[in-house]
């Protein structure tokens, strides 16, 4: 339960950051925001992430100094 709650928080916070600033998305997804709208593009981008990549992105965006990044 603890990990599920943590995962939901990560996904929600990643979604919020990408919606607020679509410039954080890779170029292929930035282009999709224009055609499909930001919510669809961000959902698809997050859905395609592995658990490890999502965690790395979370750290990059919210704790940039945690891993020397």
N, C-alpha and C. Protein backbone atom coordinates (compact mmCIF):
# COMPACT_ATOMS: atom_id res chain seq x y z
N UNK A 1 0.83 -1.19 0.00
CA UNK A 1 0.00 0.00 0.00
C UNK A 1 0.88 1.26 0.00
N UNK A 2 1.94 1.21 0.79
CA UNK A 2 2.84 2.35 0.88
C UNK A 2 3.47 2.67 -0.48
N UNK A 3 3.93 1.65 -1.18
CA UNK A 3 4.55 1.85 -2.49
C UNK A 3 3.54 2.31 -3.53
N UNK A 4 2.32 1.79 -3.45
CA UNK A 4 1.28 2.20 -4.39
C UNK A 4 0.95 3.68 -4.20
N UNK A 5 0.87 4.13 -2.95
CA UNK A 5 0.61 5.54 -2.68
C UNK A 5 1.76 6.42 -3.20
N UNK A 6 2.97 5.96 -2.99
CA UNK A 6 4.14 6.70 -3.46
C UNK A 6 4.14 6.78 -4.99
N UNK A 7 3.81 5.68 -5.64
CA UNK A 7 3.76 5.66 -7.11
C UNK A 7 2.71 6.61 -7.64
N UNK A 8 1.54 6.61 -7.03
CA UNK A 8 0.47 7.53 -7.46
C UNK A 8 0.92 8.98 -7.31
N UNK A 9 1.59 9.28 -6.20
CA UNK A 9 2.08 10.65 -5.99
C UNK A 9 3.09 11.03 -7.07
N UNK A 10 4.02 10.13 -7.38
CA UNK A 10 5.00 10.41 -8.43
C UNK A 10 4.32 10.71 -9.76
N UNK A 11 3.37 9.87 -10.13
CA UNK A 11 2.70 10.05 -11.42
C UNK A 11 1.92 11.36 -11.44
N UNK A 12 1.19 11.65 -10.37
CA UNK A 12 0.44 12.91 -10.30
C UNK A 12 1.36 14.12 -10.42
N UNK A 13 2.46 14.08 -9.70
CA UNK A 13 3.37 15.22 -9.71
C UNK A 13 4.09 15.37 -11.05
N UNK A 14 4.48 14.25 -11.65
CA UNK A 14 5.07 14.31 -12.99
C UNK A 14 4.06 14.90 -13.97
N UNK A 15 2.83 14.43 -13.91
CA UNK A 15 1.78 14.94 -14.80
C UNK A 15 1.63 16.45 -14.63
N UNK A 16 1.56 16.91 -13.40
CA UNK A 16 1.40 18.35 -13.14
C UNK A 16 2.54 19.18 -13.71
N UNK A 17 3.76 18.69 -13.54
CA UNK A 17 4.92 19.43 -14.05
C UNK A 17 4.89 19.48 -15.57
N UNK A 18 4.63 18.35 -16.21
CA UNK A 18 4.63 18.33 -17.67
C UNK A 18 3.49 19.15 -18.26
N UNK A 19 2.33 19.15 -17.61
CA UNK A 19 1.22 19.97 -18.09
C UNK A 19 1.55 21.45 -17.93
N UNK A 20 2.13 21.81 -16.81
CA UNK A 20 2.47 23.21 -16.55
C UNK A 20 3.57 23.72 -17.47
N UNK A 21 4.45 22.82 -17.90
CA UNK A 21 5.57 23.23 -18.74
C UNK A 21 5.87 22.13 -19.75
N UNK A 22 5.19 22.16 -20.85
CA UNK A 22 5.37 21.11 -21.86
C UNK A 22 6.76 21.15 -22.49
N UNK A 23 7.53 22.19 -22.23
CA UNK A 23 8.91 22.25 -22.72
C UNK A 23 9.77 21.17 -22.07
N UNK A 24 9.32 20.60 -20.97
CA UNK A 24 10.05 19.52 -20.30
C UNK A 24 9.93 18.20 -21.07
N UNK A 25 8.97 18.12 -21.97
CA UNK A 25 8.75 16.89 -22.74
C UNK A 25 9.79 16.76 -23.86
N UNK A 26 10.07 15.52 -24.26
CA UNK A 26 10.93 15.33 -25.43
C UNK A 26 10.27 15.93 -26.67
N UNK A 27 11.06 16.30 -27.68
CA UNK A 27 10.51 16.96 -28.88
C UNK A 27 9.33 16.24 -29.52
N UNK A 28 9.39 14.92 -29.61
CA UNK A 28 8.29 14.20 -30.27
C UNK A 28 6.98 14.37 -29.52
N UNK A 29 7.03 14.49 -28.22
CA UNK A 29 5.81 14.69 -27.44
C UNK A 29 5.39 16.15 -27.41
N UNK A 30 6.34 17.07 -27.49
CA UNK A 30 5.99 18.49 -27.58
C UNK A 30 5.16 18.73 -28.82
N UNK A 31 5.54 18.10 -29.93
CA UNK A 31 4.78 18.26 -31.18
C UNK A 31 3.38 17.68 -31.04
N UNK A 32 3.26 16.59 -30.31
CA UNK A 32 1.96 15.97 -30.12
C UNK A 32 1.02 16.83 -29.29
N UNK A 33 1.57 17.69 -28.43
CA UNK A 33 0.71 18.56 -27.62
C UNK A 33 -0.12 19.49 -28.51
N UNK A 34 0.46 19.89 -29.63
CA UNK A 34 -0.25 20.78 -30.55
C UNK A 34 -1.36 20.04 -31.29
N UNK A 35 -1.10 18.81 -31.69
CA UNK A 35 -2.08 18.05 -32.48
C UNK A 35 -3.15 17.39 -31.62
N UNK A 36 -2.74 16.84 -30.47
CA UNK A 36 -3.65 16.04 -29.65
C UNK A 36 -4.04 16.71 -28.34
N UNK A 37 -3.38 17.79 -28.01
CA UNK A 37 -3.61 18.46 -26.74
C UNK A 37 -2.60 17.99 -25.70
N UNK A 38 -2.29 18.85 -24.74
CA UNK A 38 -1.25 18.52 -23.77
C UNK A 38 -1.61 17.34 -22.87
N UNK A 39 -2.86 17.22 -22.47
CA UNK A 39 -3.23 16.15 -21.55
C UNK A 39 -2.99 14.76 -22.17
N UNK A 40 -3.37 14.58 -23.44
CA UNK A 40 -3.18 13.29 -24.11
C UNK A 40 -1.70 13.00 -24.29
N UNK A 41 -0.94 14.00 -24.73
CA UNK A 41 0.49 13.80 -24.97
C UNK A 41 1.22 13.46 -23.67
N UNK A 42 0.90 14.16 -22.60
CA UNK A 42 1.55 13.90 -21.31
C UNK A 42 1.15 12.52 -20.79
N UNK A 43 -0.13 12.19 -20.89
CA UNK A 43 -0.58 10.85 -20.46
C UNK A 43 0.18 9.75 -21.20
N UNK A 44 0.29 9.90 -22.51
CA UNK A 44 0.99 8.89 -23.30
C UNK A 44 2.47 8.81 -22.94
N UNK A 45 3.08 9.96 -22.70
CA UNK A 45 4.50 9.98 -22.34
C UNK A 45 4.72 9.26 -21.01
N UNK A 46 3.92 9.57 -20.02
CA UNK A 46 4.06 8.93 -18.70
C UNK A 46 3.73 7.45 -18.79
N UNK A 47 2.71 7.09 -19.57
CA UNK A 47 2.32 5.68 -19.70
C UNK A 47 3.46 4.85 -20.30
N UNK A 48 4.29 5.46 -21.13
CA UNK A 48 5.38 4.74 -21.76
C UNK A 48 6.64 4.64 -20.91
N UNK A 49 6.63 5.27 -19.75
CA UNK A 49 7.81 5.24 -18.88
C UNK A 49 7.91 3.91 -18.13
N UNK A 50 9.13 3.46 -17.95
CA UNK A 50 9.36 2.34 -17.02
C UNK A 50 9.32 2.92 -15.61
N UNK A 51 9.21 2.06 -14.62
CA UNK A 51 9.23 2.52 -13.23
C UNK A 51 10.53 3.26 -12.92
N UNK A 52 11.64 2.70 -13.37
CA UNK A 52 12.95 3.30 -13.12
C UNK A 52 13.06 4.66 -13.77
N UNK A 53 12.62 4.78 -15.02
CA UNK A 53 12.70 6.06 -15.72
C UNK A 53 11.81 7.10 -15.05
N UNK A 54 10.61 6.71 -14.63
CA UNK A 54 9.71 7.64 -13.95
C UNK A 54 10.36 8.15 -12.66
N UNK A 55 10.98 7.26 -11.92
CA UNK A 55 11.66 7.67 -10.69
C UNK A 55 12.83 8.60 -11.00
N UNK A 56 13.59 8.29 -12.02
CA UNK A 56 14.71 9.15 -12.42
C UNK A 56 14.22 10.54 -12.85
N UNK A 57 13.12 10.59 -13.58
CA UNK A 57 12.55 11.87 -13.99
C UNK A 57 12.06 12.65 -12.78
N UNK A 58 11.42 11.97 -11.86
CA UNK A 58 10.95 12.62 -10.64
C UNK A 58 12.13 13.25 -9.89
N UNK A 59 13.19 12.49 -9.74
CA UNK A 59 14.38 13.00 -9.06
C UNK A 59 14.98 14.18 -9.82
N UNK A 60 15.05 14.06 -11.13
CA UNK A 60 15.61 15.15 -11.95
C UNK A 60 14.80 16.43 -11.78
N UNK A 61 13.48 16.30 -11.72
CA UNK A 61 12.62 17.48 -11.64
C UNK A 61 12.46 18.04 -10.23
N UNK A 62 12.43 17.17 -9.24
CA UNK A 62 12.11 17.62 -7.88
C UNK A 62 13.29 17.59 -6.91
N UNK A 63 14.29 16.76 -7.17
CA UNK A 63 15.47 16.67 -6.30
C UNK A 63 16.72 16.60 -7.16
N UNK A 64 17.02 17.64 -7.90
CA UNK A 64 18.08 17.57 -8.89
C UNK A 64 19.47 17.28 -8.33
N UNK A 65 19.69 17.51 -7.05
CA UNK A 65 21.02 17.29 -6.49
C UNK A 65 21.15 15.94 -5.79
N UNK A 66 20.06 15.16 -5.76
CA UNK A 66 20.08 13.90 -5.03
C UNK A 66 21.09 12.91 -5.60
N UNK A 67 21.20 12.81 -6.91
CA UNK A 67 22.11 11.85 -7.54
C UNK A 67 23.22 12.54 -8.30
N UNK A 68 23.56 13.72 -7.90
CA UNK A 68 24.65 14.44 -8.55
C UNK A 68 24.29 14.94 -9.93
N UNK A 69 23.01 15.08 -10.21
CA UNK A 69 22.57 15.55 -11.53
C UNK A 69 22.49 17.05 -11.55
